[in-house]
C-alpha atoms as a PDB file:
ATOM      1  CA  MET A   1     152.780 -91.243   9.088  1.00  0.00           C
ATOM      2  CA  GLU A   2     151.463 -92.746   6.281  1.00  0.00           C
ATOM      3  CA  GLN A   3     152.936 -92.612   2.755  1.00  0.00           C
ATOM      4  CA  PRO A   4     150.854 -91.258  -0.024  1.00  0.00           C
ATOM      5  CA  ASN A   5     150.412 -94.452  -1.845  1.00  0.00           C
ATOM      6  CA  GLU A   6     149.312 -96.116   1.359  1.00  0.00           C
ATOM      7  CA  LEU A   7     146.834 -93.531   2.102  1.00  0.00           C
ATOM      8  CA  HIS A   8     145.330 -93.561  -1.375  1.00  0.00           C
ATOM      9  CA  SER A   9     145.002 -97.690  -1.051  1.00  0.00           C
ATOM     10  CA  ALA A  10     143.258 -97.000   2.091  1.00  0.00           C
ATOM     11  CA  THR A  11     140.935 -94.317   0.883  1.00  0.00           C
ATOM     12  CA  SER A  12     140.221 -96.274  -2.299  1.00  0.00           C
ATOM     13  CA  ALA A  13     139.280 -99.346  -0.015  1.00  0.00           C
ATOM     14  CA  GLY A  14     137.181 -97.405   2.338  1.00  0.00           C
ATOM     15  CA  ALA A  15     135.175 -96.120  -0.488  1.00  0.00           C
ATOM     16  CA  VAL A  16     134.581 -99.508  -1.710  1.00  0.00           C
ATOM     17  CA  ILE A  17     133.610-100.363   1.778  1.00  0.00           C
ATOM     18  CA  SER A  18     131.261 -97.529   1.939  1.00  0.00           C
ATOM     19  CA  GLY A  19     129.766 -98.542  -1.414  1.00  0.00           C
ATOM     20  CA  ILE A  20     128.723-101.935  -0.140  1.00  0.00           C
ATOM     21  CA  LEU A  21     127.479-100.727   2.971  1.00  0.00           C
ATOM     22  CA  GLY A  22     125.317 -98.231   1.439  1.00  0.00           C
ATOM     23  CA  TRP A  23     123.888-100.512  -1.028  1.00  0.00           C
ATOM     24  CA  SER A  24     123.443-102.897   1.738  1.00  0.00           C
ATOM     25  CA  TYR A  25     121.518-100.716   3.931  1.00  0.00           C
ATOM     26  CA  PHE A  26     119.541 -99.626   0.965  1.00  0.00           C
ATOM     27  CA  ALA A  27     118.683-103.243   0.170  1.00  0.00           C
ATOM     28  CA  ALA A  28     117.343-103.833   3.903  1.00  0.00           C
ATOM     29  CA  TRP A  29     115.603-100.914   4.517  1.00  0.00           C
ATOM     30  CA  SER A  30     113.737-101.330   0.953  1.00  0.00           C
ATOM     31  CA  VAL A  31     112.671-104.556   1.563  1.00  0.00           C
ATOM     32  CA  SER A  32     111.584-103.997   5.192  1.00  0.00           C
ATOM     33  CA  PHE A  33     108.601-102.163   3.432  1.00  0.00           C
ATOM     34  CA  TYR A  34     107.351-105.267   1.785  1.00  0.00           C
ATOM     35  CA  PRO A  35     106.201-107.620   4.748  1.00  0.00           C
ATOM     36  CA  GLN A  36     103.494-105.291   5.926  1.00  0.00           C
ATOM     37  CA  LEU A  37     102.283-105.213   2.149  1.00  0.00           C
ATOM     38  CA  VAL A  38     102.208-108.958   1.766  1.00  0.00           C
ATOM     39  CA  LEU A  39     100.695-109.379   5.433  1.00  0.00           C
ATOM     40  CA  ASN A  40      97.873-106.833   4.552  1.00  0.00           C
ATOM     41  CA  TYR A  41      97.369-108.608   1.219  1.00  0.00           C
ATOM     42  CA  ARG A  42      97.134-112.031   2.886  1.00  0.00           C
ATOM     43  CA  ARG A  43      94.713-110.866   5.563  1.00  0.00           C
ATOM     44  CA  LYS A  44      92.724-108.371   3.323  1.00  0.00           C
ATOM     45  CA  SER A  45      92.727-106.230   6.518  1.00  0.00           C
ATOM     46  CA  VAL A  46      94.950-103.528   8.106  1.00  0.00           C
ATOM     47  CA  ASP A  47      93.551-104.249  11.339  1.00  0.00           C
ATOM     48  CA  GLY A  48      96.451-103.986  13.935  1.00  0.00           C
ATOM     49  CA  LEU A  49      98.125-101.363  11.764  1.00  0.00           C
ATOM     50  CA  SER A  50      97.866 -97.828  12.997  1.00  0.00           C
ATOM     51  CA  LEU A  51      96.741 -95.482  10.143  1.00  0.00           C
ATOM     52  CA  ASP A  52      98.476 -92.561  12.164  1.00  0.00           C
ATOM     53  CA  PHE A  53     101.415 -94.259  11.530  1.00  0.00           C
ATOM     54  CA  LEU A  54     100.852 -94.873   7.989  1.00  0.00           C
ATOM     55  CA  ALA A  55      99.887 -91.124   7.337  1.00  0.00           C
ATOM     56  CA  TYR A  56     103.041 -89.874   8.876  1.00  0.00           C
ATOM     57  CA  ASN A  57     105.359 -92.284   6.899  1.00  0.00           C
ATOM     58  CA  VAL A  58     103.627 -90.935   3.640  1.00  0.00           C
ATOM     59  CA  ILE A  59     104.372 -87.289   4.618  1.00  0.00           C
ATOM     60  CA  GLY A  60     107.745 -88.093   6.199  1.00  0.00           C
ATOM     61  CA  PHE A  61     109.097 -89.995   3.282  1.00  0.00           C
ATOM     62  CA  THR A  62     107.969 -87.165   0.865  1.00  0.00           C
ATOM     63  CA  CYS A  63     109.807 -84.844   2.761  1.00  0.00           C
ATOM     64  CA  TYR A  64     112.993 -87.058   2.932  1.00  0.00           C
ATOM     65  CA  LEU A  65     112.490 -87.896  -1.010  1.00  0.00           C
ATOM     66  CA  ILE A  66     112.769 -83.938  -1.736  1.00  0.00           C
ATOM     67  CA  TYR A  67     115.450 -83.746   0.865  1.00  0.00           C
ATOM     68  CA  THR A  68     117.723 -86.164  -0.746  1.00  0.00           C
ATOM     69  CA  LEU A  69     116.902 -85.059  -4.424  1.00  0.00           C
ATOM     70  CA  GLY A  70     117.829 -81.284  -3.532  1.00  0.00           C
ATOM     71  CA  PHE A  71     121.400 -82.319  -1.813  1.00  0.00           C
ATOM     72  CA  TYR A  72     122.089 -84.729  -4.605  1.00  0.00           C
ATOM     73  CA  TRP A  73     121.003 -82.926  -7.899  1.00  0.00           C
ATOM     74  CA  SER A  74     120.887 -79.170  -7.059  1.00  0.00           C
ATOM     75  CA  THR A  75     124.094 -77.309  -7.831  1.00  0.00           C
ATOM     76  CA  ALA A  76     122.872 -74.353  -5.910  1.00  0.00           C
ATOM     77  CA  ILE A  77     122.168 -76.245  -2.774  1.00  0.00           C
ATOM     78  CA  GLN A  78     125.256 -78.014  -3.085  1.00  0.00           C
ATOM     79  CA  GLU A  79     127.277 -74.740  -3.428  1.00  0.00           C
ATOM     80  CA  GLU A  80     125.560 -73.055  -0.494  1.00  0.00           C
ATOM     81  CA  TYR A  81     126.140 -76.212   1.664  1.00  0.00           C
ATOM     82  CA  ARG A  82     129.988 -75.869   0.877  1.00  0.00           C
ATOM     83  CA  ARG A  83     129.927 -72.126   1.722  1.00  0.00           C
ATOM     84  CA  ARG A  84     128.512 -72.785   4.948  1.00  0.00           C
ATOM     85  CA  ASN A  85     130.503 -75.807   5.860  1.00  0.00           C
ATOM     86  CA  ASP A  86     134.225 -74.665   5.206  1.00  0.00           C
ATOM     87  CA  GLY A  87     134.107 -76.395   1.719  1.00  0.00           C
ATOM     88  CA  ARG A  88     133.010 -79.909   2.753  1.00  0.00           C
ATOM     89  CA  SER A  89     130.657 -81.553   0.630  1.00  0.00           C
ATOM     90  CA  ASN A  90     127.297 -82.993   1.876  1.00  0.00           C
ATOM     91  CA  LEU A  91     127.229 -86.740   2.416  1.00  0.00           C
ATOM     92  CA  VAL A  92     123.990 -87.647   0.581  1.00  0.00           C
ATOM     93  CA  ALA A  93     124.869 -90.661  -1.710  1.00  0.00           C
ATOM     94  CA  PRO A  94     123.192 -92.058  -4.855  1.00  0.00           C
ATOM     95  CA  ASN A  95     121.717 -94.876  -2.629  1.00  0.00           C
ATOM     96  CA  ASP A  96     120.048 -92.380  -0.180  1.00  0.00           C
ATOM     97  CA  VAL A  97     118.297 -91.152  -3.328  1.00  0.00           C
ATOM     98  CA  PHE A  98     117.169 -94.614  -4.539  1.00  0.00           C
ATOM     99  CA  PHE A  99     116.267 -95.525  -1.071  1.00  0.00           C
ATOM    100  CA  ALA A 100     114.039 -92.439  -0.401  1.00  0.00           C
ATOM    101  CA  ALA A 101     112.076 -92.611  -3.823  1.00  0.00           C
ATOM    102  CA  HIS A 102     111.470 -96.508  -3.451  1.00  0.00           C
ATOM    103  CA  ALA A 103     110.203 -95.872   0.202  1.00  0.00           C
ATOM    104  CA  TRP A 104     107.867 -93.389  -0.822  1.00  0.00           C
ATOM    105  CA  VAL A 105     106.436 -95.433  -3.343  1.00  0.00           C
ATOM    106  CA  LEU A 106     105.819 -98.314  -1.313  1.00  0.00           C
ATOM    107  CA  THR A 107     104.355 -96.105   1.439  1.00  0.00           C
ATOM    108  CA  ILE A 108     101.907 -94.880  -1.221  1.00  0.00           C
ATOM    109  CA  ALA A 109     101.040 -98.543  -2.092  1.00  0.00           C
ATOM    110  CA  THR A 110     100.640 -99.205   1.620  1.00  0.00           C
ATOM    111  CA  ALA A 111      98.495 -96.253   1.950  1.00  0.00           C
ATOM    112  CA  VAL A 112      96.320 -97.396  -0.977  1.00  0.00           C
ATOM    113  CA  GLN A 113      95.608-100.886   0.890  1.00  0.00           C
ATOM    114  CA  ALA A 114      94.685 -99.234   3.883  1.00  0.00           C
ATOM    115  CA  ARG A 115      92.060 -97.102   1.958  1.00  0.00           C
ATOM    116  CA  GLN A 116      90.830-100.630   0.573  1.00  0.00           C
ATOM    117  CA  TYR A 117      91.120-102.633   3.558  1.00  0.00           C
ATOM    118  CA  ALA A 118      90.180-100.207   6.441  1.00  0.00           C
ATOM    119  CA  GLY A 119      86.902-100.606   8.350  1.00  0.00           C
ATOM    120  CA  ASN A 120      84.670 -97.790   9.239  1.00  0.00           C
ATOM    121  CA  GLY A 121      85.986 -97.398  12.661  1.00  0.00           C
ATOM    122  CA  HIS A 122      89.826 -97.447  11.342  1.00  0.00           C
ATOM    123  CA  THR A 123      90.695 -93.793  10.854  1.00  0.00           C
ATOM    124  CA  LEU A 124      93.042 -91.177  11.441  1.00  0.00           C
ATOM    125  CA  SER A 125      93.219 -89.862  14.977  1.00  0.00           C
ATOM    126  CA  ARG A 126      92.280 -85.933  15.388  1.00  0.00           C
ATOM    127  CA  PHE A 127      95.845 -85.331  16.652  1.00  0.00           C
ATOM    128  CA  ALA A 128      97.283 -86.958  13.139  1.00  0.00           C
ATOM    129  CA  LYS A 129      94.906 -84.613  11.327  1.00  0.00           C
ATOM    130  CA  VAL A 130      96.062 -81.415  13.123  1.00  0.00           C
ATOM    131  CA  THR A 131      99.605 -82.624  12.593  1.00  0.00           C
ATOM    132  CA  ILE A 132      99.353 -83.070   9.067  1.00  0.00           C
ATOM    133  CA  VAL A 133      97.706 -79.771   8.580  1.00  0.00           C
ATOM    134  CA  ALA A 134     100.094 -78.096  10.417  1.00  0.00           C
ATOM    135  CA  MET A 135     103.117 -79.526   8.337  1.00  0.00           C
ATOM    136  CA  LEU A 136     101.519 -78.629   5.114  1.00  0.00           C
ATOM    137  CA  ALA A 137     100.691 -74.887   6.300  1.00  0.00           C
ATOM    138  CA  SER A 138     104.198 -74.464   7.696  1.00  0.00           C
ATOM    139  CA  THR A 139     105.719 -75.929   4.432  1.00  0.00           C
ATOM    140  CA  VAL A 140     103.510 -73.285   2.416  1.00  0.00           C
ATOM    141  CA  VAL A 141     104.814 -70.481   4.679  1.00  0.00           C
ATOM    142  CA  MET A 142     108.523 -71.667   4.538  1.00  0.00           C
ATOM    143  CA  LEU A 143     108.192 -72.125   0.577  1.00  0.00           C
ATOM    144  CA  GLY A 144     106.950 -68.452   0.334  1.00  0.00           C
ATOM    145  CA  TRP A 145     109.777 -67.135   2.559  1.00  0.00           C
ATOM    146  CA  THR A 146     112.386 -68.869   0.319  1.00  0.00           C
ATOM    147  CA  VAL A 147     110.794 -67.436  -2.698  1.00  0.00           C
ATOM    148  CA  ARG A 148     110.595 -63.755  -1.259  1.00  0.00           C
ATOM    149  CA  ASP A 149     113.550 -63.430   1.067  1.00  0.00           C
ATOM    150  CA  PRO A 150     117.082 -63.288  -0.499  1.00  0.00           C
ATOM    151  CA  GLY A 151     118.726 -64.449   2.960  1.00  0.00           C
ATOM    152  CA  CYS A 152     116.577 -67.687   2.717  1.00  0.00           C
ATOM    153  CA  SER A 153     117.800 -70.181   0.229  1.00  0.00           C
ATOM    154  CA  ALA A 154     116.673 -73.523  -1.244  1.00  0.00           C
ATOM    155  CA  LEU A 155     119.363 -75.144   1.290  1.00  0.00           C
ATOM    156  CA  ASP A 156     117.103 -73.653   4.206  1.00  0.00           C
ATOM    157  CA  LEU A 157     113.972 -75.266   2.754  1.00  0.00           C
ATOM    158  CA  VAL A 158     115.515 -78.723   2.352  1.00  0.00           C
ATOM    159  CA  TYR A 159     116.766 -78.623   5.781  1.00  0.00           C
ATOM    160  CA  PHE A 160     113.233 -77.493   6.722  1.00  0.00           C
ATOM    161  CA  LEU A 161     111.824 -80.347   5.097  1.00  0.00           C
ATOM    162  CA  GLY A 162     114.622 -82.711   6.734  1.00  0.00           C
ATOM    163  CA  SER A 163     113.359 -81.667  10.037  1.00  0.00           C
ATOM    164  CA  TRP A 164     109.911 -82.598   9.300  1.00  0.00           C
ATOM    165  CA  LYS A 165     111.132 -85.851   8.322  1.00  0.00           C
ATOM    166  CA  LEU A 166     112.748 -86.377  11.679  1.00  0.00           C
ATOM    167  CA  ILE A 167     109.589 -85.040  13.386  1.00  0.00           C
ATOM    168  CA  MET A 168     107.553 -87.683  11.538  1.00  0.00           C
ATOM    169  CA  SER A 169     110.103 -90.679  12.512  1.00  0.00           C
ATOM    170  CA  LEU A 170     109.835 -89.306  16.045  1.00  0.00           C
ATOM    171  CA  ILE A 171     106.112 -89.527  16.227  1.00  0.00           C
ATOM    172  CA  LYS A 172     105.076 -92.155  13.735  1.00  0.00           C
ATOM    173  CA  TYR A 173     105.900 -95.132  15.814  1.00  0.00           C
ATOM    174  CA  LEU A 174     104.261 -93.825  19.113  1.00  0.00           C
ATOM    175  CA  PRO A 175     100.417 -94.506  17.863  1.00  0.00           C
ATOM    176  CA  GLN A 176     101.641 -98.244  16.452  1.00  0.00           C
ATOM    177  CA  MET A 177     103.192 -98.560  20.102  1.00  0.00           C
ATOM    178  CA  TRP A 178     100.036 -97.685  21.577  1.00  0.00           C
ATOM    179  CA  VAL A 179      98.030 -99.885  19.399  1.00  0.00           C
ATOM    180  CA  ASN A 180     100.162-102.977  20.384  1.00  0.00           C
ATOM    181  CA  ILE A 181     100.253-102.165  24.124  1.00  0.00           C
ATOM    182  CA  ARG A 182      96.361-101.475  24.205  1.00  0.00           C
ATOM    183  CA  ASP A 183      95.575-104.731  22.436  1.00  0.00           C
ATOM    184  CA  GLN A 184      98.417-106.712  24.292  1.00  0.00           C
ATOM    185  CA  SER A 185      99.269-107.897  20.847  1.00  0.00           C
ATOM    186  CA  THR A 186     101.216-107.120  17.682  1.00  0.00           C
ATOM    187  CA  GLU A 187      99.217-109.274  15.369  1.00  0.00           C
ATOM    188  CA  GLY A 188      98.787-107.215  12.215  1.00  0.00           C
ATOM    189  CA  TRP A 189     102.103-105.314  12.643  1.00  0.00           C
ATOM    190  CA  SER A 190     104.764-107.260  10.623  1.00  0.00           C
ATOM    191  CA  ILE A 191     107.947-108.045  12.699  1.00  0.00           C
ATOM    192  CA  HIS A 192     109.959-108.847   9.572  1.00  0.00           C
ATOM    193  CA  ASN A 193     109.724-105.065   8.797  1.00  0.00           C
ATOM    194  CA  ILE A 194     111.232-104.292  12.345  1.00  0.00           C
ATOM    195  CA  LEU A 195     114.056-106.995  11.922  1.00  0.00           C
ATOM    196  CA  LEU A 196     114.981-105.368   8.328  1.00  0.00           C
ATOM    197  CA  ASP A 197     114.559-101.903   9.482  1.00  0.00           C
ATOM    198  CA  ALA A 198     117.378-102.523  12.510  1.00  0.00           C
ATOM    199  CA  THR A 199     119.808-104.090  10.193  1.00  0.00           C
ATOM    200  CA  GLY A 200     119.519-101.123   7.767  1.00  0.00           C
ATOM    201  CA  GLY A 201     119.675 -98.913  10.556  1.00  0.00           C
ATOM    202  CA  THR A 202     123.060-100.309  11.819  1.00  0.00           C
ATOM    203  CA  LEU A 203     124.479-100.556   8.278  1.00  0.00           C
ATOM    204  CA  SER A 204     123.474 -96.725   7.668  1.00  0.00           C
ATOM    205  CA  LEU A 205     125.320 -95.469  10.824  1.00  0.00           C
ATOM    206  CA  ALA A 206     128.313 -97.542   9.838  1.00  0.00           C
ATOM    207  CA  GLN A 207     128.410 -95.816   6.107  1.00  0.00           C
ATOM    208  CA  LEU A 208     127.962 -92.312   7.612  1.00  0.00           C
ATOM    209  CA  PHE A 209     130.798 -92.711  10.046  1.00  0.00           C
ATOM    210  CA  LEU A 210     133.147 -94.228   7.383  1.00  0.00           C
ATOM    211  CA  ASP A 211     132.177 -91.431   4.930  1.00  0.00           C
ATOM    212  CA  ALA A 212     133.070 -88.847   7.302  1.00  0.00           C
ATOM    213  CA  PHE A 213     136.474 -90.359   8.419  1.00  0.00           C
ATOM    214  CA  LEU A 214     137.402 -90.910   4.584  1.00  0.00           C
ATOM    215  CA  ALA A 215     136.320 -87.076   4.054  1.00  0.00           C
ATOM    216  CA  ARG A 216     138.729 -85.811   6.725  1.00  0.00           C
ATOM    217  CA  GLY A 217     141.645 -83.473   5.845  1.00  0.00           C
ATOM    218  CA  SER A 218     145.222 -83.945   6.399  1.00  0.00           C
ATOM    219  CA  GLY A 219     145.963 -83.393  10.161  1.00  0.00           C
ATOM    220  CA  ASP A 220     142.465 -83.520  11.069  1.00  0.00           C
ATOM    221  CA  ASP A 221     142.461 -83.712  14.820  1.00  0.00           C
ATOM    222  CA  GLY A 222     139.140 -85.341  15.192  1.00  0.00           C
ATOM    223  CA  SER A 223     136.893 -82.606  13.691  1.00  0.00           C
ATOM    224  CA  TRP A 224     135.691 -85.313  11.149  1.00  0.00           C
ATOM    225  CA  LEU A 225     133.110 -86.130  13.369  1.00  0.00           C
ATOM    226  CA  LEU A 226     131.311 -82.921  12.810  1.00  0.00           C
ATOM    227  CA  GLY A 227     130.755 -84.434   9.183  1.00  0.00           C
ATOM    228  CA  VAL A 228     128.819 -86.950  10.819  1.00  0.00           C
ATOM    229  CA  LEU A 229     126.447 -84.644  12.655  1.00  0.00           C
ATOM    230  CA  PHE A 230     126.089 -81.912   9.997  1.00  0.00           C
ATOM    231  CA  GLY A 231     126.910 -83.770   6.616  1.00  0.00           C
ATOM    232  CA  ASN A 232     123.827 -85.872   6.453  1.00  0.00           C
ATOM    233  CA  ALA A 233     121.964 -84.731   9.622  1.00  0.00           C
ATOM    234  CA  ALA A 234     118.589 -86.270   8.644  1.00  0.00           C
ATOM    235  CA  LYS A 235     120.280 -89.418   7.649  1.00  0.00           C
ATOM    236  CA  LEU A 236     122.047 -89.766  11.398  1.00  0.00           C
ATOM    237  CA  GLY A 237     118.597 -88.756  12.975  1.00  0.00           C
ATOM    238  CA  LEU A 238     116.614 -91.090  11.039  1.00  0.00           C
ATOM    239  CA  SER A 239     119.068 -93.948  11.652  1.00  0.00           C
ATOM    240  CA  LEU A 240     119.332 -93.603  15.464  1.00  0.00           C
ATOM    241  CA  LEU A 241     115.378 -92.956  15.941  1.00  0.00           C
ATOM    242  CA  SER A 242     114.843 -96.246  13.748  1.00  0.00           C
ATOM    243  CA  LEU A 243     117.053 -98.267  15.885  1.00  0.00           C
ATOM    244  CA  GLY A 244     115.436 -96.970  19.024  1.00  0.00           C
ATOM    245  CA  PHE A 245     111.796 -97.712  18.124  1.00  0.00           C
ATOM    246  CA  ASP A 246     112.887-100.937  16.697  1.00  0.00           C
ATOM    247  CA  ALA A 247     114.274-102.192  20.109  1.00  0.00           C
ATOM    248  CA  VAL A 248     110.987-101.331  21.706  1.00  0.00           C
ATOM    249  CA  PHE A 249     109.002-103.311  18.793  1.00  0.00           C
ATOM    250  CA  LEU A 250     111.287-106.381  19.146  1.00  0.00           C
ATOM    251  CA  VAL A 251     110.688-106.503  22.998  1.00  0.00           C
ATOM    252  CA  GLN A 252     106.893-106.317  22.453  1.00  0.00           C
ATOM    253  CA  HIS A 253     106.835-109.101  19.865  1.00  0.00           C
ATOM    254  CA  PHE A 254     109.018-111.552  21.301  1.00  0.00           C
ATOM    255  CA  VAL A 255     108.821-110.923  25.009  1.00  0.00           C
ATOM    256  CA  LEU A 256     105.615-108.886  26.224  1.00  0.00           C
ATOM    257  CA  TYR A 257     103.064-110.113  23.943  1.00  0.00           C
ATOM    258  CA  ARG A 258     104.501-113.099  22.337  1.00  0.00           C
ATOM    259  CA  GLY A 259     102.053-115.322  20.258  1.00  0.00           C
ATOM    260  CA  ARG A 260      99.041-113.256  21.642  1.00  0.00           C
ATOM    261  CA  PRO A 261      96.116-112.697  19.034  1.00  0.00           C
ATOM    262  CA  ARG A 262      94.858-109.253  18.706  1.00  0.00           C
ATOM    263  CA  LYS A 263      91.238-109.191  20.284  1.00  0.00           C
ATOM    264  CA  SER A 264      90.377-105.656  19.228  1.00  0.00           C
ATOM    265  CA  LEU A 265      87.854-105.052  16.163  1.00  0.00           C
ATOM    266  CA  SER A 266      89.054-101.440  16.085  1.00  0.00           C
ATOM    267  CA  VAL A 267      92.372 -99.481  16.406  1.00  0.00           C
ATOM    268  CA  ARG A 268      91.326 -96.076  17.206  1.00  0.00           C
ATOM    269  CA  GLY A 269      89.567 -94.368  19.864  1.00  0.00           C
ATOM    270  CA  SER A 270      87.786 -96.913  22.596  1.00  0.00           C
ATOM    271  CA  PRO A 271      88.022 -99.883  21.096  1.00  0.00           C
ATOM    272  CA  ARG A 272      85.259-102.368  21.228  1.00  0.00           C
ATOM    273  CA  ARG A 273      86.747-105.742  22.628  1.00  0.00           C
ATOM    274  CA  ALA A 274      85.867-108.795  20.678  1.00  0.00           C
ATOM    275  CA  SER A 275      84.592-111.744  22.571  1.00  0.00           C
ATOM    276  CA  ASP A 276      86.737-115.029  22.602  1.00  0.00           C
ATOM    277  CA  ALA A 277      84.428-116.543  19.834  1.00  0.00           C
ATOM    278  CA  GLU A 278      84.636-113.664  17.693  1.00  0.00           C
ATOM    279  CA  ALA A 279      88.656-113.373  18.311  1.00  0.00           C
ATOM    280  CA  GLY A 280      88.565-117.375  17.352  1.00  0.00           C
ATOM    281  CA  ARG A 281      86.510-116.524  14.079  1.00  0.00           C
ATOM    282  CA  ALA A 282      88.887-113.725  13.042  1.00  0.00           C
ATOM    283  CA  ALA A 283      91.992-115.905  13.679  1.00  0.00           C
ATOM    284  CA  ALA A 284      90.670-118.707  11.634  1.00  0.00           C
ATOM    285  CA  ALA A 285      89.667-116.340   8.727  1.00  0.00           C
ATOM    286  CA  MET A 286      92.929-115.003   8.152  1.00  0.00           C
ATOM    287  CA  PRO A 287      96.616-115.475   8.488  1.00  0.00           C
ATOM    288  CA  SER A 288      98.126-114.181  11.744  1.00  0.00           C
ATOM    289  CA  GLU A 289     100.847-111.688  12.169  1.00  0.00           C
ATOM    290  CA  THR A 290     103.253-114.267  13.287  1.00  0.00           C
ATOM    291  CA  ASP A 291     102.641-116.553  10.026  1.00  0.00           C
ATOM    292  CA  PRO A 292     105.757-116.968   8.053  1.00  0.00           C
ATOM    293  CA  LEU A 293     105.884-115.307   4.720  1.00  0.00           C
ATOM    294  CA  LEU A 294     107.461-118.125   3.215  1.00  0.00           C
ATOM    295  CA  PRO A 295     105.395-121.543   2.182  1.00  0.00           C
ATOM    296  CA  ALA A 296     104.821-123.900   5.210  1.00  0.00           C
ATOM    297  CA  SER A 297     106.952-126.657   3.307  1.00  0.00           C
ATOM    298  CA  ILE A 298     109.947-124.423   3.208  1.00  0.00           C
ATOM    299  CA  VAL A 299     109.417-123.470   6.892  1.00  0.00           C
ATOM    300  CA  SER A 300     109.250-126.917   8.157  1.00  0.00           C
ATOM    301  CA  SER A 301     112.064-128.312   6.307  1.00  0.00           C
ATOM    302  CA  SER A 302     114.367-125.531   7.561  1.00  0.00           C
END
């Protein structure tokens, strides 16, 4: 049995490690949004980037930002959570809030790029439009229910928005996966984003498990694992989903379509295939998705 001083020291060390993990995953996930922005700017194009993916990202991070802000700053939501979970506190940390806010700003910036660079045939699919309308309509209904029904609290509303974030995370990568499969290429889709995203997802999971373990009560027989599942469900689901899709994109980029240029001139509907001459001119006119983000002189010297 651990002595009180030893237990306190272990808990303090664990808290320090948790903080390091939290800010490390925040850094990795936050930086992961920049490569796509840089790639779009260098190419002056978003060809190869699914606008459905981008729209789902904007909606998803809007929901996630509200979710984290609610859990971190709302006393009413915190108290209601503790009442429903045997006095346990939620596991939303400051880095979760900063990450959500930062990600939301950068997804908006990418959306502005898409509006500027997208061609006439590069639009949202019908399915994406229906999904977004359904999300907005259901949120209005849920908001009205929260205001009118005493049995429905603000906690239920943020849970609802967290669920929409998970739905967006689940479906947002599917159109991008299809674009890559259809065009047999990952050009225009930044692999640096995926590498950083996978790093962040791994670190996020590590912090979540560590925080739940540190929050366990004396004599806990393993029920602390429930804290992993329910203490920050949106974060758990987001991490697992991200890692699964990251694995698919890494296989597409490094194994299935390695070095292949994108020949499609449209990323929606039935694409018009470019001729070899058109593809060659397009490739010469803009940096490819496989071009390093660092200057060539630095890359060659490494």
